């Protein structure tokens, strides 16, 4: 299974050299640790809306931070256990979000990787795929990065003519 981690564009060279380090999200007002420490990632699929969703969210929530590049990695058995599920449950009930194996991840959340989740509406119920995340507990080495999805270059305040 492939996942994508979004990071600010200016961190790209450091990530390609050193990998992706686990971090804890902090409260914007207090600066205190707010969430589990880990590498935050999202399912990677061929469905462009799903893939770009979190990049758009990050840019909307924190426009002053600039553009984001995506780093695609393949999950490996040593990445488990990890946390997966809807972000609000991951924060309130982290033990419930723990996934022990690739098989368990595929059984519980496989539709997020296939892109099927975006089209589910037959029975009147639809998952909100925009809230799904995966939290890997350890460092991801640079050699595991399969692909970088580059955002457009940030606009410069003053352009030389």
Protein backbone atom coordinates (compact mmCIF):
# COMPACT_ATOMS: atom_id res chain seq x y z
CA UNK A 1 0.00 0.00 0.00
CA UNK A 2 1.22 3.45 -0.85
CA UNK A 3 0.79 6.50 1.38
CA UNK A 4 1.62 10.15 0.86
CA UNK A 5 3.09 12.56 3.37
CA UNK A 6 2.66 16.29 2.70
CA UNK A 7 5.40 18.69 3.82
CA UNK A 8 6.16 22.34 3.16
CA UNK A 9 7.91 22.84 -0.14
CA UNK A 10 10.97 24.39 1.49
CA UNK A 11 11.61 21.12 3.41
CA UNK A 12 11.95 19.02 0.25
CA UNK A 13 15.74 18.91 -0.01
CA UNK A 14 16.10 18.08 3.69
CA UNK A 15 13.53 15.27 3.44
CA UNK A 16 15.19 13.82 0.33
CA UNK A 17 18.54 13.84 2.15
CA UNK A 18 17.46 12.78 5.67
CA UNK A 19 14.02 11.20 5.39
CA UNK A 20 10.83 12.12 7.23
CA UNK A 21 11.09 12.54 10.97
CA UNK A 22 8.15 11.93 13.31
CA UNK A 23 6.68 15.09 14.77
CA UNK A 24 3.84 16.02 17.07
CA UNK A 25 1.34 18.61 15.98
CA UNK A 26 1.16 21.61 18.24
CA UNK A 27 -1.72 23.79 19.29
CA UNK A 28 -1.57 27.04 17.32
CA UNK A 29 -2.41 29.18 20.34
CA UNK A 30 -0.47 27.54 23.17
CA UNK A 31 2.32 25.78 21.26
CA UNK A 32 1.75 22.64 23.37
CA UNK A 33 1.86 19.14 21.88
CA UNK A 34 -1.65 18.35 20.71
CA UNK A 35 -1.46 15.02 18.87
CA UNK A 36 0.41 11.76 18.71
CA UNK A 37 4.02 11.94 17.56
CA UNK A 38 4.51 10.34 14.17
CA UNK A 39 4.75 10.78 10.42
CA UNK A 40 1.31 11.85 9.24
CA UNK A 41 0.35 10.28 5.93
CA UNK A 42 -2.71 9.69 3.81
CA UNK A 43 -3.72 6.95 1.37
CA UNK A 44 -2.24 7.34 -2.08
CA UNK A 45 -4.48 6.33 -4.96
CA UNK A 46 -4.93 7.22 -8.60
CA UNK A 47 -7.95 9.32 -7.64
CA UNK A 48 -6.57 12.87 -7.93
CA UNK A 49 -9.23 14.40 -5.68
CA UNK A 50 -8.28 12.06 -2.84
CA UNK A 51 -4.56 12.59 -3.29
CA UNK A 52 -4.70 16.38 -3.35
CA UNK A 53 -7.27 16.78 -0.58
CA UNK A 54 -4.86 17.15 2.35
CA UNK A 55 -2.55 19.45 0.41
CA UNK A 56 -5.51 21.74 -0.25
CA UNK A 57 -6.54 21.54 3.41
CA UNK A 58 -3.04 22.39 4.64
CA UNK A 59 -2.79 25.34 2.27
CA UNK A 60 -6.22 26.61 3.33
CA UNK A 61 -5.61 26.26 7.07
CA UNK A 62 -2.12 27.76 7.00
CA UNK A 63 -1.79 29.83 3.83
CA UNK A 64 1.21 31.76 5.17
CA UNK A 65 3.31 28.55 5.19
CA UNK A 66 3.31 28.31 1.39
CA UNK A 67 3.03 25.34 -0.91
CA UNK A 68 3.32 21.64 -0.08
CA UNK A 69 5.03 18.75 -1.81
CA UNK A 70 3.88 15.15 -1.42
CA UNK A 71 6.26 12.29 -0.63
CA UNK A 72 4.95 8.87 -1.67
CA UNK A 73 6.17 5.84 0.30
CA UNK A 74 5.23 2.16 0.41
CA UNK A 75 4.13 0.78 3.76
CA UNK A 76 6.32 -2.04 5.04
CA UNK A 77 5.69 -4.61 7.81
CA UNK A 78 8.09 -2.77 10.13
CA UNK A 79 5.81 0.32 9.99
CA UNK A 80 3.28 -1.54 12.13
CA UNK A 81 1.67 -1.04 14.55
CA UNK A 82 0.48 2.33 13.33
CA UNK A 83 -2.60 4.46 13.84
CA UNK A 84 -5.24 4.81 11.14
CA UNK A 85 -8.72 6.19 10.98
CA UNK A 86 -10.57 9.44 11.09
CA UNK A 87 -8.43 12.15 12.65
CA UNK A 88 -10.95 13.01 15.37
CA UNK A 89 -11.01 9.37 16.62
CA UNK A 90 -7.22 9.11 16.36
CA UNK A 91 -6.96 11.98 18.82
CA UNK A 92 -9.69 10.96 21.26
CA UNK A 93 -9.15 7.18 21.26
CA UNK A 94 -5.60 6.43 20.05
CA UNK A 95 -5.66 2.80 21.26
CA UNK A 96 -8.80 2.13 19.20
CA UNK A 97 -7.03 3.50 16.09
CA UNK A 98 -4.04 1.14 16.43
CA UNK A 99 -3.62 -1.16 13.41
CA UNK A 100 -1.30 -4.14 13.92
CA UNK A 101 -0.72 -5.39 10.37
CA UNK A 102 -1.00 -4.64 6.67
CA UNK A 103 -3.82 -7.17 6.44
CA UNK A 104 -5.83 -5.43 9.16
CA UNK A 105 -5.30 -2.07 7.44
CA UNK A 106 -6.52 -3.51 4.12
CA UNK A 107 -9.58 -5.11 5.72
CA UNK A 108 -10.63 -2.02 7.66
CA UNK A 109 -9.66 0.79 5.28
CA UNK A 110 -8.80 -0.70 1.88
CA UNK A 111 -11.42 1.42 0.09
CA UNK A 112 -9.44 4.57 0.93
CA UNK A 113 -6.53 3.30 -1.16
CA UNK A 114 -8.60 2.22 -4.14
CA UNK A 115 -10.52 5.49 -4.55
CA UNK A 116 -13.85 3.67 -4.15
CA UNK A 117 -14.57 5.71 -1.06
CA UNK A 118 -15.22 8.86 -3.10
CA UNK A 119 -18.15 7.22 -4.91
CA UNK A 120 -19.99 5.44 -2.04
CA UNK A 121 -23.54 6.71 -1.75
CA UNK A 122 -25.86 3.79 -2.72
CA UNK A 123 -27.29 3.20 0.75
CA UNK A 124 -27.52 6.87 1.70
CA UNK A 125 -24.37 6.66 3.85
CA UNK A 126 -21.01 7.95 2.82
CA UNK A 127 -17.68 8.01 4.61
CA UNK A 128 -16.04 11.38 4.79
CA UNK A 129 -12.71 10.44 3.17
CA UNK A 130 -11.39 13.96 3.73
CA UNK A 131 -10.90 13.19 7.45
CA UNK A 132 -8.89 9.96 7.14
CA UNK A 133 -5.22 9.80 8.16
CA UNK A 134 -2.46 7.35 8.99
CA UNK A 135 0.17 8.01 11.65
CA UNK A 136 3.44 6.09 11.30
CA UNK A 137 5.31 5.97 14.64
CA UNK A 138 8.89 5.95 13.32
CA UNK A 139 11.28 7.79 11.04
CA UNK A 140 10.93 7.12 7.30
CA UNK A 141 14.32 6.82 5.62
CA UNK A 142 14.93 8.89 2.48
CA UNK A 143 15.58 5.77 0.36
CA UNK A 144 11.95 4.71 0.92
CA UNK A 145 10.57 7.75 -0.92
CA UNK A 146 9.23 6.49 -4.24
CA UNK A 147 8.02 9.73 -5.76
CA UNK A 148 7.74 13.44 -5.01
CA UNK A 149 4.60 15.22 -6.13
CA UNK A 150 5.63 18.81 -6.51
CA UNK A 151 3.27 21.71 -5.97
CA UNK A 152 3.63 24.77 -8.14
CA UNK A 153 6.41 27.15 -7.20
CA UNK A 154 5.35 29.75 -4.62
CA UNK A 155 4.60 33.21 -5.98
CA UNK A 156 7.33 35.67 -5.23
CA UNK A 157 6.40 39.03 -3.85
CA UNK A 158 8.69 40.80 -6.29
CA UNK A 159 9.65 39.28 -9.59
CA UNK A 160 12.68 40.52 -11.53
CA UNK A 161 11.90 41.60 -15.06
